[in-house]
PDB file of N, CA and C in Angstrom:
ATOM      1  N   UNK A   1      36.805   5.257   6.577  1.00  0.00           N
ATOM      2  CA  UNK A   1      35.717   4.581   5.863  1.00  0.00           C
ATOM      3  C   UNK A   1      35.433   5.314   4.577  1.00  0.00           C
ATOM      4  N   UNK A   2      35.092   4.567   3.566  1.00  0.00           N
ATOM      5  CA  UNK A   2      34.763   5.117   2.249  1.00  0.00           C
ATOM      6  C   UNK A   2      33.438   5.876   2.307  1.00  0.00           C
ATOM      7  N   UNK A   3      33.422   7.175   1.967  1.00  0.00           N
ATOM      8  CA  UNK A   3      32.174   7.962   2.036  1.00  0.00           C
ATOM      9  C   UNK A   3      31.072   7.376   1.134  1.00  0.00           C
ATOM     10  N   UNK A   4      31.420   6.826   0.006  1.00  0.00           N
ATOM     11  CA  UNK A   4      30.379   6.262  -0.859  1.00  0.00           C
ATOM     12  C   UNK A   4      29.737   5.026  -0.249  1.00  0.00           C
ATOM     13  N   UNK A   5      30.501   4.279   0.539  1.00  0.00           N
ATOM     14  CA  UNK A   5      29.958   3.103   1.233  1.00  0.00           C
ATOM     15  C   UNK A   5      28.969   3.549   2.290  1.00  0.00           C
ATOM     16  N   UNK A   6      29.274   4.605   2.986  1.00  0.00           N
ATOM     17  CA  UNK A   6      28.373   5.126   4.016  1.00  0.00           C
ATOM     18  C   UNK A   6      27.078   5.604   3.366  1.00  0.00           C
ATOM     19  N   UNK A   7      27.199   6.325   2.271  1.00  0.00           N
ATOM     20  CA  UNK A   7      25.992   6.797   1.585  1.00  0.00           C
ATOM     21  C   UNK A   7      25.193   5.622   1.061  1.00  0.00           C
ATOM     22  N   UNK A   8      25.878   4.605   0.577  1.00  0.00           N
ATOM     23  CA  UNK A   8      25.190   3.429   0.069  1.00  0.00           C
ATOM     24  C   UNK A   8      24.424   2.716   1.201  1.00  0.00           C
ATOM     25  N   UNK A   9      25.028   2.611   2.365  1.00  0.00           N
ATOM     26  CA  UNK A   9      24.377   1.999   3.527  1.00  0.00           C
ATOM     27  C   UNK A   9      23.179   2.820   3.968  1.00  0.00           C
ATOM     28  N   UNK A  10      23.324   4.128   3.983  1.00  0.00           N
ATOM     29  CA  UNK A  10      22.223   5.019   4.364  1.00  0.00           C
ATOM     30  C   UNK A  10      21.081   4.915   3.354  1.00  0.00           C
ATOM     31  N   UNK A  11      21.433   4.866   2.096  1.00  0.00           N
ATOM     32  CA  UNK A  11      20.426   4.740   1.047  1.00  0.00           C
ATOM     33  C   UNK A  11      19.683   3.418   1.166  1.00  0.00           C
ATOM     34  N   UNK A  12      20.420   2.351   1.436  1.00  0.00           N
ATOM     35  CA  UNK A  12      19.787   1.045   1.589  1.00  0.00           C
ATOM     36  C   UNK A  12      18.830   1.045   2.769  1.00  0.00           C
ATOM     37  N   UNK A  13      19.257   1.659   3.859  1.00  0.00           N
ATOM     38  CA  UNK A  13      18.394   1.747   5.043  1.00  0.00           C
ATOM     39  C   UNK A  13      17.139   2.555   4.722  1.00  0.00           C
ATOM     40  N   UNK A  14      17.297   3.656   4.035  1.00  0.00           N
ATOM     41  CA  UNK A  14      16.155   4.492   3.664  1.00  0.00           C
ATOM     42  C   UNK A  14      15.199   3.714   2.756  1.00  0.00           C
ATOM     43  N   UNK A  15      15.748   2.979   1.783  1.00  0.00           N
ATOM     44  CA  UNK A  15      14.911   2.197   0.891  1.00  0.00           C
ATOM     45  C   UNK A  15      14.135   1.098   1.651  1.00  0.00           C
ATOM     46  N   UNK A  16      14.812   0.467   2.599  1.00  0.00           N
ATOM     47  CA  UNK A  16      14.142  -0.562   3.404  1.00  0.00           C
ATOM     48  C   UNK A  16      13.009   0.043   4.232  1.00  0.00           C
ATOM     49  N   UNK A  17      13.234   1.229   4.787  1.00  0.00           N
ATOM     50  CA  UNK A  17      12.198   1.892   5.572  1.00  0.00           C
ATOM     51  C   UNK A  17      11.002   2.224   4.681  1.00  0.00           C
ATOM     52  N   UNK A  18      11.271   2.683   3.466  1.00  0.00           N
ATOM     53  CA  UNK A  18      10.191   3.014   2.535  1.00  0.00           C
ATOM     54  C   UNK A  18       9.428   1.776   2.100  1.00  0.00           C
ATOM     55  N   UNK A  19      10.135   0.647   1.923  1.00  0.00           N
ATOM     56  CA  UNK A  19       9.473  -0.612   1.560  1.00  0.00           C
ATOM     57  C   UNK A  19       8.560  -1.041   2.689  1.00  0.00           C
ATOM     58  N   UNK A  20       9.035  -0.932   3.930  1.00  0.00           N
ATOM     59  CA  UNK A  20       8.222  -1.305   5.085  1.00  0.00           C
ATOM     60  C   UNK A  20       6.981  -0.417   5.170  1.00  0.00           C
ATOM     61  N   UNK A  21       7.159   0.872   4.972  1.00  0.00           N
ATOM     62  CA  UNK A  21       6.037   1.797   4.993  1.00  0.00           C
ATOM     63  C   UNK A  21       5.021   1.433   3.908  1.00  0.00           C
ATOM     64  N   UNK A  22       5.479   1.106   2.727  1.00  0.00           N
ATOM     65  CA  UNK A  22       4.601   0.727   1.638  1.00  0.00           C
ATOM     66  C   UNK A  22       3.824  -0.553   1.963  1.00  0.00           C
ATOM     67  N   UNK A  23       4.512  -1.520   2.585  1.00  0.00           N
ATOM     68  CA  UNK A  23       3.866  -2.764   2.956  1.00  0.00           C
ATOM     69  C   UNK A  23       2.781  -2.528   4.009  1.00  0.00           C
ATOM     70  N   UNK A  24       3.077  -1.678   4.983  1.00  0.00           N
ATOM     71  CA  UNK A  24       2.077  -1.349   6.012  1.00  0.00           C
ATOM     72  C   UNK A  24       0.872  -0.688   5.377  1.00  0.00           C
ATOM     73  N   UNK A  25       1.106   0.255   4.484  1.00  0.00           N
ATOM     74  CA  UNK A  25       0.008   0.951   3.799  1.00  0.00           C
ATOM     75  C   UNK A  25      -0.828  -0.029   2.984  1.00  0.00           C
ATOM     76  N   UNK A  26      -0.187  -0.992   2.345  1.00  0.00           N
ATOM     77  CA  UNK A  26      -0.893  -1.984   1.556  1.00  0.00           C
ATOM     78  C   UNK A  26      -1.772  -2.869   2.459  1.00  0.00           C
ATOM     79  N   UNK A  27      -1.220  -3.299   3.594  1.00  0.00           N
ATOM     80  CA  UNK A  27      -1.989  -4.123   4.521  1.00  0.00           C
ATOM     81  C   UNK A  27      -3.180  -3.366   5.047  1.00  0.00           C
ATOM     82  N   UNK A  28      -3.013  -2.097   5.418  1.00  0.00           N
ATOM     83  CA  UNK A  28      -4.111  -1.287   5.928  1.00  0.00           C
ATOM     84  C   UNK A  28      -5.173  -1.113   4.843  1.00  0.00           C
ATOM     85  N   UNK A  29      -4.775  -0.887   3.609  1.00  0.00           N
ATOM     86  CA  UNK A  29      -5.743  -0.714   2.511  1.00  0.00           C
ATOM     87  C   UNK A  29      -6.531  -2.000   2.284  1.00  0.00           C
ATOM     88  N   UNK A  30      -5.847  -3.160   2.307  1.00  0.00           N
ATOM     89  CA  UNK A  30      -6.531  -4.432   2.120  1.00  0.00           C
ATOM     90  C   UNK A  30      -7.476  -4.717   3.267  1.00  0.00           C
ATOM     91  N   UNK A  31      -6.999  -4.458   4.502  1.00  0.00           N
ATOM     92  CA  UNK A  31      -7.834  -4.684   5.677  1.00  0.00           C
ATOM     93  C   UNK A  31      -9.071  -3.803   5.614  1.00  0.00           C
ATOM     94  N   UNK A  32      -8.899  -2.555   5.292  1.00  0.00           N
ATOM     95  CA  UNK A  32     -10.020  -1.614   5.219  1.00  0.00           C
ATOM     96  C   UNK A  32     -11.034  -2.069   4.169  1.00  0.00           C
ATOM     97  N   UNK A  33     -10.552  -2.401   3.006  1.00  0.00           N
ATOM     98  CA  UNK A  33     -11.436  -2.832   1.925  1.00  0.00           C
ATOM     99  C   UNK A  33     -12.180  -4.099   2.289  1.00  0.00           C
ATOM    100  N   UNK A  34     -11.438  -5.083   2.774  1.00  0.00           N
ATOM    101  CA  UNK A  34     -12.021  -6.391   3.093  1.00  0.00           C
ATOM    102  C   UNK A  34     -13.072  -6.266   4.205  1.00  0.00           C
ATOM    103  N   UNK A  35     -12.705  -5.613   5.275  1.00  0.00           N
ATOM    104  CA  UNK A  35     -13.615  -5.498   6.425  1.00  0.00           C
ATOM    105  C   UNK A  35     -14.799  -4.577   6.101  1.00  0.00           C
ATOM    106  N   UNK A  36     -14.568  -3.546   5.333  1.00  0.00           N
ATOM    107  CA  UNK A  36     -15.662  -2.639   4.964  1.00  0.00           C
ATOM    108  C   UNK A  36     -16.705  -3.409   4.149  1.00  0.00           C
ATOM    109  N   UNK A  37     -16.248  -4.145   3.161  1.00  0.00           N
ATOM    110  CA  UNK A  37     -17.169  -4.887   2.309  1.00  0.00           C
ATOM    111  C   UNK A  37     -17.944  -5.943   3.102  1.00  0.00           C
ATOM    112  N   UNK A  38     -17.308  -6.527   4.074  1.00  0.00           N
ATOM    113  CA  UNK A  38     -17.932  -7.567   4.888  1.00  0.00           C
ATOM    114  C   UNK A  38     -18.911  -6.980   5.910  1.00  0.00           C
ATOM    115  N   UNK A  39     -18.557  -5.856   6.520  1.00  0.00           N
ATOM    116  CA  UNK A  39     -19.303  -5.381   7.695  1.00  0.00           C
ATOM    117  C   UNK A  39     -20.277  -4.241   7.443  1.00  0.00           C
ATOM    118  N   UNK A  40     -20.022  -3.429   6.467  1.00  0.00           N
ATOM    119  CA  UNK A  40     -20.890  -2.271   6.217  1.00  0.00           C
ATOM    120  C   UNK A  40     -21.755  -2.620   5.013  1.00  0.00           C
ATOM    121  N   UNK A  41     -22.970  -3.032   5.312  1.00  0.00           N
ATOM    122  CA  UNK A  41     -23.838  -3.554   4.255  1.00  0.00           C
ATOM    123  C   UNK A  41     -24.765  -2.491   3.652  1.00  0.00           C
ATOM    124  N   UNK A  42     -25.043  -1.447   4.385  1.00  0.00           N
ATOM    125  CA  UNK A  42     -25.910  -0.395   3.889  1.00  0.00           C
ATOM    126  C   UNK A  42     -25.142   0.892   3.659  1.00  0.00           C
ATOM    127  N   UNK A  43     -25.865   1.939   3.476  1.00  0.00           N
ATOM    128  CA  UNK A  43     -25.232   3.243   3.326  1.00  0.00           C
ATOM    129  C   UNK A  43     -24.809   3.721   4.729  1.00  0.00           C
ATOM    130  N   UNK A  44     -23.540   4.037   4.899  1.00  0.00           N
ATOM    131  CA  UNK A  44     -23.071   4.441   6.242  1.00  0.00           C
ATOM    132  C   UNK A  44     -23.673   5.810   6.628  1.00  0.00           C
ATOM    133  N   UNK A  45     -23.992   5.916   7.916  1.00  0.00           N
ATOM    134  CA  UNK A  45     -24.479   7.175   8.457  1.00  0.00           C
ATOM    135  C   UNK A  45     -23.335   7.966   9.046  1.00  0.00           C
ATOM    136  N   UNK A  46     -23.650   8.786  10.016  1.00  0.00           N
ATOM    137  CA  UNK A  46     -22.620   9.603  10.646  1.00  0.00           C
ATOM    138  C   UNK A  46     -21.737   8.778  11.574  1.00  0.00           C
ATOM    139  N   UNK A  47     -22.259   7.625  12.014  1.00  0.00           N
ATOM    140  CA  UNK A  47     -21.434   6.696  12.800  1.00  0.00           C
ATOM    141  C   UNK A  47     -21.920   5.280  12.546  1.00  0.00           C
ATOM    142  N   UNK A  48     -21.066   4.307  12.890  1.00  0.00           N
ATOM    143  CA  UNK A  48     -21.403   2.909  12.658  1.00  0.00           C
ATOM    144  C   UNK A  48     -22.425   2.422  13.674  1.00  0.00           C
ATOM    145  N   UNK A  49     -23.253   1.461  13.256  1.00  0.00           N
ATOM    146  CA  UNK A  49     -24.141   0.806  14.216  1.00  0.00           C
ATOM    147  C   UNK A  49     -23.281  -0.083  15.110  1.00  0.00           C
ATOM    148  N   UNK A  50     -23.859  -0.552  16.193  1.00  0.00           N
ATOM    149  CA  UNK A  50     -23.070  -1.380  17.110  1.00  0.00           C
ATOM    150  C   UNK A  50     -22.677  -2.698  16.428  1.00  0.00           C
ATOM    151  N   UNK A  51     -23.513  -3.263  15.599  1.00  0.00           N
ATOM    152  CA  UNK A  51     -23.171  -4.495  14.904  1.00  0.00           C
ATOM    153  C   UNK A  51     -22.048  -4.254  13.876  1.00  0.00           C
ATOM    154  N   UNK A  52     -22.116  -3.133  13.171  1.00  0.00           N
ATOM    155  CA  UNK A  52     -21.039  -2.789  12.232  1.00  0.00           C
ATOM    156  C   UNK A  52     -19.728  -2.566  12.971  1.00  0.00           C
ATOM    157  N   UNK A  53     -19.795  -1.852  14.080  1.00  0.00           N
ATOM    158  CA  UNK A  53     -18.587  -1.566  14.859  1.00  0.00           C
ATOM    159  C   UNK A  53     -17.955  -2.845  15.392  1.00  0.00           C
ATOM    160  N   UNK A  54     -18.795  -3.744  15.930  1.00  0.00           N
ATOM    161  CA  UNK A  54     -18.295  -5.026  16.432  1.00  0.00           C
ATOM    162  C   UNK A  54     -17.699  -5.860  15.300  1.00  0.00           C
ATOM    163  N   UNK A  55     -18.388  -5.887  14.167  1.00  0.00           N
ATOM    164  CA  UNK A  55     -17.901  -6.646  13.015  1.00  0.00           C
ATOM    165  C   UNK A  55     -16.571  -6.091  12.543  1.00  0.00           C
ATOM    166  N   UNK A  56     -16.455  -4.786  12.416  1.00  0.00           N
ATOM    167  CA  UNK A  56     -15.209  -4.158  11.949  1.00  0.00           C
ATOM    168  C   UNK A  56     -14.058  -4.455  12.898  1.00  0.00           C
ATOM    169  N   UNK A  57     -14.331  -4.374  14.187  1.00  0.00           N
ATOM    170  CA  UNK A  57     -13.301  -4.643  15.177  1.00  0.00           C
ATOM    171  C   UNK A  57     -12.828  -6.104  15.100  1.00  0.00           C
ATOM    172  N   UNK A  58     -13.784  -7.021  15.073  1.00  0.00           N
ATOM    173  CA  UNK A  58     -13.453  -8.444  15.002  1.00  0.00           C
ATOM    174  C   UNK A  58     -12.733  -8.757  13.692  1.00  0.00           C
ATOM    175  N   UNK A  59     -13.216  -8.219  12.599  1.00  0.00           N
ATOM    176  CA  UNK A  59     -12.606  -8.450  11.300  1.00  0.00           C
ATOM    177  C   UNK A  59     -11.151  -7.977  11.282  1.00  0.00           C
ATOM    178  N   UNK A  60     -10.916  -6.786  11.798  1.00  0.00           N
ATOM    179  CA  UNK A  60      -9.553  -6.233  11.828  1.00  0.00           C
ATOM    180  C   UNK A  60      -8.641  -7.101  12.680  1.00  0.00           C
ATOM    181  N   UNK A  61      -9.139  -7.534  13.835  1.00  0.00           N
ATOM    182  CA  UNK A  61      -8.341  -8.426  14.684  1.00  0.00           C
ATOM    183  C   UNK A  61      -7.980  -9.718  13.979  1.00  0.00           C
ATOM    184  N   UNK A  62      -8.948 -10.353  13.359  1.00  0.00           N
ATOM    185  CA  UNK A  62      -8.718 -11.620  12.658  1.00  0.00           C
ATOM    186  C   UNK A  62      -7.754 -11.401  11.481  1.00  0.00           C
ATOM    187  N   UNK A  63      -7.920 -10.305  10.767  1.00  0.00           N
ATOM    188  CA  UNK A  63      -7.067 -10.011   9.621  1.00  0.00           C
ATOM    189  C   UNK A  63      -5.613  -9.887  10.069  1.00  0.00           C
ATOM    190  N   UNK A  64      -5.396  -9.127  11.153  1.00  0.00           N
ATOM    191  CA  UNK A  64      -4.050  -8.930  11.675  1.00  0.00           C
ATOM    192  C   UNK A  64      -3.462 -10.252  12.209  1.00  0.00           C
ATOM    193  N   UNK A  65      -4.282 -11.039  12.880  1.00  0.00           N
ATOM    194  CA  UNK A  65      -3.801 -12.318  13.408  1.00  0.00           C
ATOM    195  C   UNK A  65      -3.384 -13.232  12.246  1.00  0.00           C
ATOM    196  N   UNK A  66      -4.200 -13.287  11.207  1.00  0.00           N
ATOM    197  CA  UNK A  66      -3.852 -14.135  10.057  1.00  0.00           C
ATOM    198  C   UNK A  66      -2.624 -13.607   9.325  1.00  0.00           C
ATOM    199  N   UNK A  67      -2.489 -12.297   9.224  1.00  0.00           N
ATOM    200  CA  UNK A  67      -1.301 -11.730   8.596  1.00  0.00           C
ATOM    201  C   UNK A  67      -0.039 -12.106   9.367  1.00  0.00           C
ATOM    202  N   UNK A  68      -0.117 -12.067  10.687  1.00  0.00           N
ATOM    203  CA  UNK A  68       1.038 -12.459  11.503  1.00  0.00           C
ATOM    204  C   UNK A  68       1.373 -13.943  11.339  1.00  0.00           C
ATOM    205  N   UNK A  69       0.355 -14.786  11.292  1.00  0.00           N
ATOM    206  CA  UNK A  69       0.571 -16.216  11.109  1.00  0.00           C
ATOM    207  C   UNK A  69       1.251 -16.474   9.783  1.00  0.00           C
ATOM    208  N   UNK A  70       0.765 -15.826   8.740  1.00  0.00           N
ATOM    209  CA  UNK A  70       1.333 -15.995   7.410  1.00  0.00           C
ATOM    210  C   UNK A  70       2.786 -15.502   7.368  1.00  0.00           C
ATOM    211  N   UNK A  71       3.036 -14.321   7.973  1.00  0.00           N
ATOM    212  CA  UNK A  71       4.412 -13.802   7.996  1.00  0.00           C
ATOM    213  C   UNK A  71       5.344 -14.756   8.731  1.00  0.00           C
ATOM    214  N   UNK A  72       4.907 -15.284   9.870  1.00  0.00           N
ATOM    215  CA  UNK A  72       5.743 -16.217  10.635  1.00  0.00           C
ATOM    216  C   UNK A  72       6.005 -17.498   9.835  1.00  0.00           C
ATOM    217  N   UNK A  73       5.000 -17.950   9.114  1.00  0.00           N
ATOM    218  CA  UNK A  73       5.169 -19.145   8.286  1.00  0.00           C
ATOM    219  C   UNK A  73       6.212 -18.917   7.196  1.00  0.00           C
ATOM    220  N   UNK A  74       6.135 -17.760   6.517  1.00  0.00           N
ATOM    221  CA  UNK A  74       7.104 -17.436   5.495  1.00  0.00           C
ATOM    222  C   UNK A  74       8.508 -17.303   6.068  1.00  0.00           C
ATOM    223  N   UNK A  75       8.624 -16.691   7.237  1.00  0.00           N
ATOM    224  CA  UNK A  75       9.922 -16.514   7.887  1.00  0.00           C
ATOM    225  C   UNK A  75      10.522 -17.875   8.240  1.00  0.00           C
ATOM    226  N   UNK A  76       9.701 -18.803   8.668  1.00  0.00           N
ATOM    227  CA  UNK A  76      10.219 -20.115   9.052  1.00  0.00           C
ATOM    228  C   UNK A  76      10.661 -20.928   7.843  1.00  0.00           C
ATOM    229  N   UNK A  77      10.182 -20.556   6.674  1.00  0.00           N
ATOM    230  CA  UNK A  77      10.560 -21.253   5.436  1.00  0.00           C
ATOM    231  C   UNK A  77      11.930 -20.841   4.949  1.00  0.00           C
ATOM    232  N   UNK A  78      12.416 -19.699   5.376  1.00  0.00           N
ATOM    233  CA  UNK A  78      13.696 -19.162   4.880  1.00  0.00           C
ATOM    234  C   UNK A  78      14.825 -19.501   5.801  1.00  0.00           C
TER     235      UNK A  78
END
């Protein structure tokens, strides 16, 4: 096997892994920003109130569910 082909395949795999990592980081940042703005209305204390905690949990679940629906929709289009 051609050594340059192997290195090229390894490089491509590494680049794909980094792209996936970047996408995950982007989703987490958007989720955090979106849910924080929606659920934390006052100055945060040392811990969240029960309503803030419930809101953040529900918001994160809905965000992830919608992200999965959108991803599946895009995959079915290709």
